[in-house]
Protein backbone atom coordinates (compact mmCIF):
# COMPACT_ATOMS: atom_id res chain seq x y z
CA MET A 1 80.64 94.10 49.07
CA LYS A 2 83.11 91.96 47.16
CA THR A 3 81.86 88.72 45.70
CA LYS A 4 83.66 85.55 46.67
CA ASN A 5 83.05 83.77 43.37
CA MET A 6 82.12 84.66 39.82
CA ILE A 7 80.63 82.75 36.90
CA VAL A 8 80.99 84.29 33.44
CA ILE A 9 78.85 82.71 30.73
CA MET A 10 79.72 83.75 27.18
CA SER A 11 77.68 82.64 24.20
CA ASP A 12 78.62 83.14 20.56
CA GLU A 13 76.81 85.35 18.06
CA HIS A 14 73.86 86.33 20.27
CA ALA A 15 72.40 89.65 19.10
CA ASN A 16 71.54 92.05 21.89
CA LYS A 17 67.81 92.43 21.19
CA ILE A 18 66.97 88.73 20.99
CA ILE A 19 66.03 88.39 24.66
CA GLY A 20 62.55 88.59 26.14
CA SER A 21 63.55 91.08 28.82
CA HIS A 22 64.96 93.37 26.13
CA GLY A 23 61.43 93.67 24.72
CA HIS A 24 61.54 91.10 21.93
CA LEU A 25 57.99 90.21 20.94
CA PHE A 26 58.16 86.43 20.86
CA ILE A 27 61.58 85.03 21.79
CA LYS A 28 61.41 82.61 24.72
CA THR A 29 64.29 83.21 27.14
CA PRO A 30 62.86 82.67 30.64
CA ASN A 31 66.23 81.99 32.28
CA MET A 32 67.96 85.08 30.88
CA ASP A 33 64.86 87.06 31.83
CA ARG A 34 65.07 85.69 35.38
CA LEU A 35 68.75 86.59 35.55
CA ALA A 36 67.94 90.14 34.42
CA ALA A 37 65.15 90.46 36.98
CA GLU A 38 67.53 89.39 39.74
CA GLY A 39 70.34 91.70 38.62
CA CYS A 40 71.15 94.41 36.09
CA ARG A 41 70.51 94.42 32.35
CA PHE A 42 72.77 96.69 30.32
CA THR A 43 70.77 97.92 27.33
CA SER A 44 73.67 99.35 25.31
CA ALA A 45 76.38 96.70 25.40
CA TYR A 46 78.89 96.10 22.60
CA THR A 47 81.70 93.88 21.52
CA ASN A 48 85.05 95.61 21.00
CA SER A 49 85.42 93.83 17.65
CA PRO A 50 82.56 92.05 15.87
CA ILE A 51 84.31 88.75 15.13
CA CYS A 52 85.37 85.90 17.39
CA LEU A 53 89.11 86.10 18.08
CA PRO A 54 89.58 89.88 18.38
CA GLY A 55 86.44 90.23 20.49
CA ARG A 56 87.52 87.41 22.77
CA ALA A 57 91.05 88.79 23.02
CA ALA A 58 89.63 92.15 24.18
CA PHE A 59 87.56 90.28 26.75
CA ALA A 60 90.63 88.34 27.93
CA THR A 61 93.10 91.22 28.10
CA GLY A 62 90.83 94.14 28.95
CA ARG A 63 92.49 96.09 26.13
CA TYR A 64 91.56 97.23 22.63
CA VAL A 65 92.59 95.29 19.54
CA ASN A 66 94.84 98.07 18.20
CA GLU A 67 96.84 97.86 21.45
CA THR A 68 97.32 94.09 21.39
CA GLY A 69 97.54 93.15 17.69
CA TYR A 70 95.00 90.31 17.87
CA TRP A 71 93.59 91.60 14.60
CA ASP A 72 91.50 88.81 13.15
CA ASN A 73 90.64 85.12 13.29
CA ALA A 74 94.24 84.20 12.45
CA HIS A 75 95.77 86.17 15.31
CA PRO A 76 94.58 84.24 18.37
CA TYR A 77 95.25 85.13 21.98
CA GLU A 78 98.18 83.12 23.33
CA GLY A 79 98.80 84.63 26.76
CA ALA A 80 101.63 87.00 25.80
CA ILE A 81 99.66 89.90 27.28
CA ASP A 82 98.23 89.54 30.78
CA SER A 83 94.60 88.48 30.99
CA TRP A 84 92.17 88.94 33.85
CA GLY A 85 92.92 85.28 34.59
CA HIS A 86 96.59 86.03 35.21
CA LEU A 87 95.65 88.92 37.51
CA ILE A 88 93.30 86.93 39.72
CA GLN A 89 95.61 83.90 39.80
CA ARG A 90 98.24 86.10 41.44
CA LYS A 91 95.69 86.83 44.17
CA GLY A 92 95.09 83.15 44.81
CA VAL A 93 91.74 82.95 43.01
CA LYS A 94 91.03 79.73 41.13
CA SER A 95 90.39 80.28 37.42
CA VAL A 96 88.74 77.53 35.36
CA SER A 97 87.30 77.45 31.84
CA ILE A 98 84.78 75.03 30.38
CA GLY A 99 83.96 75.10 26.66
CA LYS A 100 84.77 77.50 23.85
CA LEU A 101 87.67 79.90 24.31
CA HIS A 102 88.94 80.26 20.72
CA TYR A 103 92.48 81.06 21.79
CA ARG A 104 95.61 79.53 20.21
CA ASN A 105 95.78 76.22 22.07
CA GLU A 106 95.18 74.61 25.45
CA THR A 107 98.85 74.54 26.50
CA ASP A 108 99.52 78.31 26.41
CA ASP A 109 99.36 80.03 29.79
CA VAL A 110 96.30 82.21 29.23
CA GLY A 111 95.36 82.56 32.90
CA PHE A 112 93.37 79.40 33.63
CA ASP A 113 94.33 76.77 36.18
CA GLU A 114 92.39 74.29 34.10
CA GLN A 115 90.74 74.20 30.68
CA ILE A 116 87.94 71.65 30.41
CA LEU A 117 86.81 70.54 26.93
CA PRO A 118 88.15 73.70 25.25
CA MET A 119 87.65 74.79 21.65
CA HIS A 120 90.58 76.59 20.09
CA VAL A 121 91.46 77.77 16.59
CA VAL A 122 92.16 75.37 13.74
CA GLY A 123 95.82 74.32 13.58
CA GLN A 124 96.82 76.93 16.19
CA GLN A 125 96.49 79.57 13.44
CA GLY A 126 92.84 79.88 12.56
CA ASP A 127 91.38 81.55 9.46
CA ILE A 128 94.35 82.88 7.50
CA LEU A 129 92.03 83.65 4.57
CA GLY A 130 90.60 86.44 6.72
CA SER A 131 94.04 88.09 6.74
CA VAL A 132 93.81 88.67 2.98
CA ARG A 133 92.75 92.32 2.95
CA ASP A 134 93.63 93.40 -0.61
CA ASP A 135 91.28 92.53 -3.47
CA LEU A 136 88.96 90.76 -1.06
CA PRO A 137 88.34 87.09 -1.92
CA ARG A 138 84.88 85.62 -2.42
CA ARG A 139 84.39 83.25 0.50
CA MET A 140 82.64 80.30 -1.14
CA LYS A 141 82.26 78.49 2.17
CA CYS A 142 79.49 81.01 2.86
CA LYS A 143 77.15 78.68 0.99
CA SER A 144 77.06 76.36 4.00
CA MET A 145 75.17 79.03 5.95
CA SER A 146 72.04 78.48 3.84
CA ASP A 147 72.59 74.75 3.36
CA GLN A 148 72.73 73.87 7.04
CA ILE A 149 69.46 75.14 8.49
CA GLY A 150 66.35 73.80 10.17
CA PRO A 151 65.49 71.43 13.02
CA GLY A 152 67.98 68.80 14.12
CA GLU A 153 71.25 68.29 15.91
CA SER A 154 74.78 69.42 15.00
CA SER A 155 78.20 68.89 16.50
CA TYR A 156 77.77 72.34 18.07
CA THR A 157 74.50 71.51 19.85
CA GLN A 158 76.04 68.33 21.22
CA TYR A 159 79.11 70.27 22.29
CA ASP A 160 76.91 72.76 24.16
CA ARG A 161 75.10 69.92 25.92
CA ASN A 162 78.45 68.52 27.02
CA ILE A 163 79.67 71.94 28.19
CA THR A 164 76.49 72.41 30.21
CA ASP A 165 76.73 68.97 31.82
CA LEU A 166 80.40 69.51 32.71
CA SER A 167 79.64 72.96 34.14
CA CYS A 168 76.90 71.57 36.36
CA LYS A 169 79.20 68.75 37.46
CA TRP A 170 82.01 71.18 38.24
CA LEU A 171 79.73 73.30 40.40
CA ASP A 172 78.46 70.23 42.23
CA GLU A 173 82.00 69.06 43.00
CA ASN A 174 83.99 72.30 43.39
CA ALA A 175 81.75 75.26 44.23
CA ASN A 176 82.54 75.14 47.93
CA GLU A 177 86.28 75.38 47.30
CA GLY A 178 86.32 79.04 46.35
CA PRO A 179 87.14 81.73 45.70
CA PHE A 180 86.84 80.94 42.01
CA VAL A 181 86.04 82.36 38.61
CA LEU A 182 84.35 79.85 36.34
CA TYR A 183 84.25 80.84 32.69
CA ILE A 184 81.71 78.90 30.60
CA GLY A 185 81.91 79.25 26.81
CA LEU A 186 78.74 78.11 25.03
CA VAL A 187 78.52 78.13 21.22
CA ALA A 188 74.83 78.67 20.41
CA PRO A 189 73.37 80.52 18.58
CA HIS A 190 76.42 80.45 16.27
CA PHE A 191 75.77 78.83 12.89
CA PRO A 192 75.22 76.15 11.60
CA LEU A 193 71.64 77.30 12.06
CA ILE A 194 70.42 73.86 13.09
CA ALA A 195 68.30 73.97 16.24
CA PRO A 196 67.25 70.99 18.34
CA GLU A 197 63.74 70.08 17.26
CA ALA A 198 62.03 70.89 20.56
CA PHE A 199 63.40 74.42 20.42
CA TYR A 200 62.91 74.92 16.68
CA ASN A 201 59.27 73.92 17.19
CA LEU A 202 58.76 76.87 19.53
CA TYR A 203 58.86 79.05 16.41
CA LYS A 204 57.97 76.57 13.66
CA ASP A 205 54.42 77.82 13.12
CA LEU A 206 55.04 81.53 13.71
CA ASP A 207 54.37 83.94 10.87
CA ILE A 208 57.54 85.99 11.05
CA PRO A 209 58.55 88.84 8.72
CA MET A 210 61.55 88.95 6.44
CA PRO A 211 64.57 90.77 7.91
CA LYS A 212 64.49 94.55 7.85
CA ALA A 213 65.82 96.28 4.72
CA TYR A 214 66.18 92.88 3.06
CA ASP A 215 64.91 94.09 -0.31
CA ILE A 216 67.89 94.98 -2.49
CA ALA A 217 66.51 98.48 -3.12
CA LYS A 218 66.47 99.15 0.65
CA ARG A 219 69.99 97.97 1.42
CA PRO A 220 72.53 100.69 2.27
CA ASP A 221 74.71 101.77 -0.65
CA HIS A 222 78.02 102.44 1.05
CA GLY A 223 81.44 101.87 -0.46
CA TRP A 224 82.93 99.95 2.46
CA LEU A 225 79.86 97.74 2.89
CA ASN A 226 79.70 97.10 -0.85
CA GLN A 227 83.26 95.75 -0.68
CA TRP A 228 82.28 93.66 2.33
CA ARG A 229 79.42 92.05 0.39
CA LYS A 230 81.82 90.91 -2.33
CA CYS A 231 83.65 88.82 0.28
CA TRP A 232 80.89 87.64 2.61
CA ILE A 233 78.54 86.27 -0.04
CA HIS A 234 76.10 84.39 2.19
CA ASP A 235 73.02 86.05 0.75
CA GLU A 236 73.74 84.86 -2.80
CA PHE A 237 72.63 81.40 -1.68
CA PHE A 238 69.44 82.34 0.19
CA ASP A 239 65.88 82.53 -1.10
CA ASP A 240 62.92 83.81 0.92
CA GLU A 241 61.95 80.37 2.20
CA LYS A 242 65.47 79.63 3.41
CA VAL A 243 65.65 83.03 5.10
CA ILE A 244 62.60 82.25 7.23
CA VAL A 245 63.84 78.77 8.15
CA ALA A 246 67.23 80.21 9.08
CA LEU A 247 65.65 82.85 11.32
CA LYS A 248 63.47 80.30 13.09
CA SER A 249 66.55 78.15 13.60
CA TYR A 250 68.41 81.11 15.09
CA TYR A 251 65.54 81.79 17.49
CA GLY A 252 65.46 78.10 18.37
CA LEU A 253 69.18 78.15 19.13
CA VAL A 254 68.72 81.18 21.39
CA SER A 255 66.07 79.27 23.36
CA PHE A 256 68.36 76.22 23.45
CA LEU A 257 71.09 78.46 24.84
CA ASP A 258 68.67 79.85 27.40
CA ASP A 259 67.74 76.34 28.52
CA ASN A 260 71.41 75.50 29.07
CA ILE A 261 71.91 78.72 31.03
CA GLY A 262 68.95 77.70 33.19
CA LYS A 263 70.55 74.35 33.97
CA ILE A 264 73.77 76.08 35.02
CA LEU A 265 71.92 78.57 37.22
CA ASN A 266 70.01 75.72 38.85
CA ALA A 267 73.27 73.90 39.52
CA LEU A 268 74.69 77.05 41.09
CA GLN A 269 71.63 77.33 43.33
CA ALA A 270 71.96 73.68 44.36
CA SER A 271 75.66 74.16 45.16
CA GLY A 272 74.88 76.35 48.15
CA VAL A 273 77.11 79.28 47.11
CA ALA A 274 74.66 81.21 44.91
CA ASP A 275 74.33 84.05 47.44
CA GLU A 276 78.07 84.74 47.33
CA THR A 277 78.55 84.27 43.58
CA GLN A 278 78.25 86.91 40.90
CA VAL A 279 77.00 85.80 37.48
CA VAL A 280 77.71 87.67 34.25
CA TYR A 281 76.12 86.68 30.94
CA THR A 282 77.29 88.10 27.63
CA SER A 283 78.27 87.15 24.07
CA ASP A 284 81.40 87.72 21.99
CA HIS A 285 79.41 89.57 19.28
CA GLY A 286 76.01 89.48 17.61
CA ASP A 287 74.65 88.37 14.23
CA ASN A 288 73.16 90.36 11.35
CA MET A 289 70.52 87.64 10.80
CA GLY A 290 69.79 88.70 7.24
CA ALA A 291 69.11 92.37 7.99
CA ARG A 292 70.13 94.47 4.97
CA GLY A 293 71.02 91.18 3.24
CA LEU A 294 73.91 90.66 5.70
CA TRP A 295 74.62 87.42 7.58
CA GLY A 296 77.12 86.55 10.27
CA LYS A 297 78.86 89.36 12.13
CA SER A 298 81.67 91.73 11.05
CA THR A 299 79.71 95.01 10.84
CA PHE A 300 78.86 97.74 13.33
CA PHE A 301 75.10 97.59 12.97
CA GLU A 302 73.37 96.87 16.27
CA GLU A 303 72.59 93.29 15.27
CA ALA A 304 76.28 92.40 14.89
CA ALA A 305 78.07 94.77 17.27
CA GLY A 306 75.46 94.85 20.03
CA ILE A 307 75.57 92.06 22.62
CA PRO A 308 73.58 91.00 25.68
CA MET A 309 75.05 91.99 29.03
CA ILE A 310 73.46 90.92 32.31
CA ALA A 311 75.10 90.90 35.73
CA LYS A 312 73.69 89.52 38.97
CA GLY A 313 75.48 89.51 42.28
CA PRO A 314 75.38 90.27 46.01
CA ASP A 315 76.07 93.97 45.48
CA ILE A 316 73.95 94.51 42.36
CA LYS A 317 70.42 95.77 42.95
CA PRO A 318 67.79 93.44 41.46
CA GLY A 319 65.72 94.74 38.57
CA THR A 320 68.27 97.39 37.57
CA VAL A 321 68.39 98.62 33.97
CA CYS A 322 71.57 100.48 33.00
CA LYS A 323 71.49 102.50 29.78
CA THR A 324 75.11 103.65 29.98
CA PRO A 325 77.08 102.04 27.12
CA VAL A 326 79.37 99.16 28.11
CA SER A 327 81.59 96.65 26.30
CA LEU A 328 83.61 93.47 26.74
CA VAL A 329 86.60 95.29 28.21
CA ASP A 330 84.28 96.27 31.05
CA VAL A 331 83.68 92.58 31.75
CA ALA A 332 87.43 92.02 32.04
CA THR A 333 87.69 94.90 34.48
CA THR A 334 84.68 93.58 36.41
CA ILE A 335 86.31 90.20 36.92
CA SER A 336 89.65 91.65 37.98
CA THR A 337 88.22 94.36 40.22
CA GLU A 338 85.51 92.35 41.93
CA MET A 339 87.76 89.33 42.49
CA GLY A 340 90.55 91.36 44.04
CA GLY A 341 93.03 91.58 41.20
CA ASP A 342 95.26 94.55 40.54
CA THR A 343 93.49 96.03 37.55
CA PRO A 344 96.00 97.96 35.39
CA ASP A 345 95.41 101.70 35.13
CA SER A 346 95.83 101.36 31.35
CA TRP A 347 92.72 99.21 31.00
CA PRO A 348 89.89 101.35 29.59
CA GLY A 349 87.11 99.40 31.29
CA THR A 350 85.05 100.03 34.41
CA SER A 351 83.45 97.42 36.65
CA LEU A 352 79.88 96.64 35.65
CA ASN A 353 79.03 96.67 39.35
CA LYS A 354 80.07 100.30 39.59
CA LEU A 355 78.26 101.29 36.40
CA ALA A 356 75.10 99.51 37.53
CA SER A 357 75.01 101.60 40.71
CA GLU A 358 75.45 104.97 39.00
CA PRO A 359 73.11 107.21 36.99
CA TYR A 360 73.08 107.08 33.19
CA ASP A 361 76.23 108.64 31.79
CA PRO A 362 75.58 110.27 28.38
CA GLU A 363 79.28 111.13 28.01
CA ARG A 364 80.67 107.61 28.35
CA VAL A 365 82.21 106.32 25.12
CA VAL A 366 82.32 102.71 23.97
CA PHE A 367 84.91 101.92 21.31
CA ALA A 368 85.14 99.07 18.82
CA GLU A 369 87.18 98.32 15.72
CA TYR A 370 87.31 95.80 12.87
CA HIS A 371 90.30 94.67 10.79
CA ALA A 372 89.28 91.17 9.76
CA ALA A 373 87.65 89.26 6.90
CA GLY A 374 85.66 91.46 4.52
CA ALA A 375 87.26 94.71 5.70
CA ILE A 376 88.92 96.46 2.75
CA SER A 377 90.11 99.01 5.31
CA GLY A 378 89.94 99.48 9.05
CA ALA A 379 86.57 100.36 10.56
CA PHE A 380 86.07 102.05 13.94
CA MET A 381 82.95 102.65 16.03
CA LEU A 382 82.13 105.04 18.83
CA ARG A 383 78.89 104.83 20.79
CA LYS A 384 78.19 107.88 22.92
CA GLY A 385 74.85 109.11 24.17
CA ARG A 386 72.23 108.78 21.47
CA TYR A 387 74.69 108.46 18.59
CA LYS A 388 76.72 105.76 16.95
CA TYR A 389 79.59 106.95 14.77
CA ILE A 390 81.43 104.66 12.35
CA TYR A 391 84.71 105.74 10.75
CA TYR A 392 85.96 103.84 7.70
CA VAL A 393 89.51 104.47 6.52
CA GLY A 394 89.22 105.80 2.95
CA PHE A 395 85.40 105.90 2.93
CA GLU A 396 82.63 108.16 4.14
CA PRO A 397 81.63 107.81 7.79
CA GLN A 398 78.23 106.74 9.02
CA LEU A 399 76.20 108.28 11.83
CA PHE A 400 73.04 106.90 13.43
CA ASP A 401 70.75 108.29 16.08
CA VAL A 402 70.02 104.98 17.80
CA ILE A 403 67.39 106.54 20.06
CA ALA A 404 65.25 108.09 17.33
CA ASP A 405 66.19 105.39 14.82
CA PRO A 406 66.90 102.18 16.80
CA GLU A 407 66.76 100.05 13.65
CA GLU A 408 69.47 102.18 12.02
CA LEU A 409 67.56 102.66 8.79
CA THR A 410 68.68 106.26 8.24
CA ASP A 411 72.34 107.25 8.02
CA ILE A 412 72.45 110.93 9.02
CA ALA A 413 76.16 111.49 8.36
CA GLY A 414 75.44 113.36 5.14
CA LEU A 415 73.20 116.01 6.69
CA THR A 416 74.73 119.48 6.76
CA GLU A 417 73.55 120.08 10.32
CA ASN A 418 75.64 117.14 11.51
CA GLU A 419 79.00 118.31 10.15
CA ALA A 420 80.15 119.65 13.51
CA LEU A 421 79.02 116.47 15.27
CA LEU A 422 81.02 114.34 12.83
CA GLN A 423 84.10 116.46 13.48
CA GLN A 424 83.65 116.05 17.23
CA PHE A 425 83.37 112.29 16.90
CA GLU A 426 86.44 112.08 14.68
CA GLN A 427 88.44 114.12 17.18
CA GLU A 428 87.27 111.81 19.96
CA LEU A 429 88.25 108.76 17.93
CA ARG A 430 91.74 110.19 17.39
CA THR A 431 92.21 110.54 21.15
CA ILE A 432 91.89 106.73 21.31
CA CYS A 433 93.95 105.82 18.23
CA ASP A 434 95.14 107.03 14.84
CA PRO A 435 92.85 105.04 12.52
CA GLU A 436 95.10 105.33 9.47
CA GLU A 437 98.18 104.20 11.40
CA VAL A 438 96.26 101.31 12.96
CA ASP A 439 94.90 100.24 9.57
CA ALA A 440 98.39 100.24 8.05
CA ARG A 441 99.86 98.34 11.00
CA ALA A 442 97.15 95.67 10.91
CA LYS A 443 97.64 95.15 7.19
CA ARG A 444 101.42 94.84 7.60
CA ASP A 445 100.99 92.16 10.25
CA GLN A 446 98.41 90.33 8.16
CA LYS A 447 100.49 90.44 4.98
CA LYS A 448 103.45 89.04 6.90
CA LEU A 449 101.31 86.13 8.10
CA VAL A 450 99.92 85.48 4.62
CA ASP A 451 103.42 85.57 3.09
CA GLU A 452 104.72 83.16 5.74
CA ASN A 453 101.98 80.71 4.76
CA GLY A 454 102.61 80.59 1.02
CA GLY A 455 101.30 83.95 -0.14
CA ARG A 456 97.95 85.34 -1.19
CA ASP A 457 97.32 83.01 -4.14
CA ALA A 458 97.99 79.88 -2.10
CA ILE A 459 95.78 81.04 0.79
CA VAL A 460 92.90 81.97 -1.51
CA ALA A 461 93.23 78.69 -3.43
CA LYS A 462 93.00 76.73 -0.18
CA GLY A 463 89.88 78.64 0.82
CA GLY A 464 88.13 78.93 4.14
CA PHE A 465 86.54 76.46 6.53
CA GLY A 466 83.66 78.51 7.90
CA ALA A 467 83.08 77.87 11.59
CA THR A 468 85.75 76.37 13.81
CA PRO A 469 84.81 72.71 14.33
CA ALA A 470 83.87 71.36 17.74
CA PRO A 471 86.53 69.30 19.51
CA GLY A 472 87.02 66.00 17.72
CA GLN A 473 85.79 67.35 14.36
CA ASP A 474 87.93 68.29 11.35
CA ALA A 475 87.84 71.58 9.46
CA GLU A 476 86.47 71.37 5.92
CA TYR A 477 87.97 73.92 3.53
CA ARG A 478 86.34 75.25 0.38
CA SER A 479 87.92 77.57 -2.16
C-alpha cells in the first residue's frame, strides 16, 4: 500500500541510544516511544557523514558525499543534483519544508514548493574554517560549548517552538490538500546545551555518571583521533561539574525535542489524515556527549555516527524492530519510492518500508565518510553484520564488534586473527570508492575554496562561529 502523504521530522545531533524505546535507563521520550510502538524502530541507523551539511546533502540527494562533492560545512547543497524533492515534484506531490535545512539559501531550487522559516548556512558559504585540512587549526570557538550550558532558553529553543507551532498550523490548514511531503527540521538537541527549565529539571537531581572512557588514561590513542583533538578542543574548557551539567542539558533538550514531536503528531491526528500519512523520524547525526573526551560530532563512534530512525505508516507493521543497518540515503529512497517518484537506479538506498518487512540482513552494508573539520585525512566507515570498520587514509584502521562490545571500548583491528577480516572490509570499501582518490579530490576542492576566500592564514585569523545562528541572529566569529 502506498502512502498518500509523508511527514519527515529531522532533529540535529540526536544520538541513537538516547531514546527510551532504545533501552536508555532514564531518558524521557514518550512521544518517540509511542511512534516506535506504532511503527518500526531501526536499531542500527547511521548518518552518511557525521556533520551537518554533508549528512543533510546525502539525505537530500540520496547519494554519498564522494559522489556529490558536498564535502563539509562550507559546501552546502544548492540543488545542482536532483533531490527527492525534485523527484516527487515531477509526480505532482507537494513538497514543503519548515525549519532547519542548512542548505545554501532559500532561493535555490532544492525541491521544495515552499520553505517556511528556513535556516541556511552563514553567508551562503558556511564554515570555511572547516575546509582547512592541513596543519589543523585550533578552533577556539569550542569554548562556547562549556560556557553555554544549564537551564534556560536560547535562540535555538525559541526557534524550535516556532517551527513546531508553524508545523501544527500547516497541518491544520493544508493536510487535506495532499498528496504532500512535509519536512520538519528541528534543531534540538544541538548545542548550545541550554535546556528549557521544565525539561532540564527532569534530570536536575539525577546522579548520573561521567561519560565513558572520559579519564585521559582510558581515551583511545589513535593517530587520526589525536589530530582531531588538536582541532576540536572542547574538552580543554570542561571540568567534571560542567560535564555533568552539560549532559543533563543534553538530556533535557532531547525531552524538549520529544515534546515538540508529540505536538506535531497530535496535530497530524487532529487533521484527519493520520491513517494515510507515513511519519519518519531521524537526525542528521549524533553527538559524542563527552565520551572519550570528545564533544560534538565528526567521528564514527556510535554516539556521533549512529542516529535514531523510526518509521510509522499504513504499510508498516506496528511494534516492528529492524536490526538491519540503514542510513540517511535510505530515507531519501523511502520518500521517493513511497511517494511515487522515479527513484534513480544509481541511488544506493532502499525504502525503509521494504527493509522493515524483511528479515535481518547480516550482509547489508552501510557506508559513511568524513572530510570536514578536524579530519587530517579522509575517514570512511562500513557497518556490516556485527562489525564496524573505519578506514583512515594514512593511519591504522579501527575495527569494533558492536554486538559483543556495544560501547566500542576495545579496538580489535590489531589482533592477528582479524587480519583477513580487515582485508575483506578494505576490499568492500574499495568497491564503493577509492579512499585515497576521494581524499585527494576533497582536499583539492577545499583548498580552492580557501584560496578563493583569502587563503589559509586569513581564514584561520578570522576564526569560526560555532553553530549556525537561528534566523534573525548574527554569527559571532572567534579566532
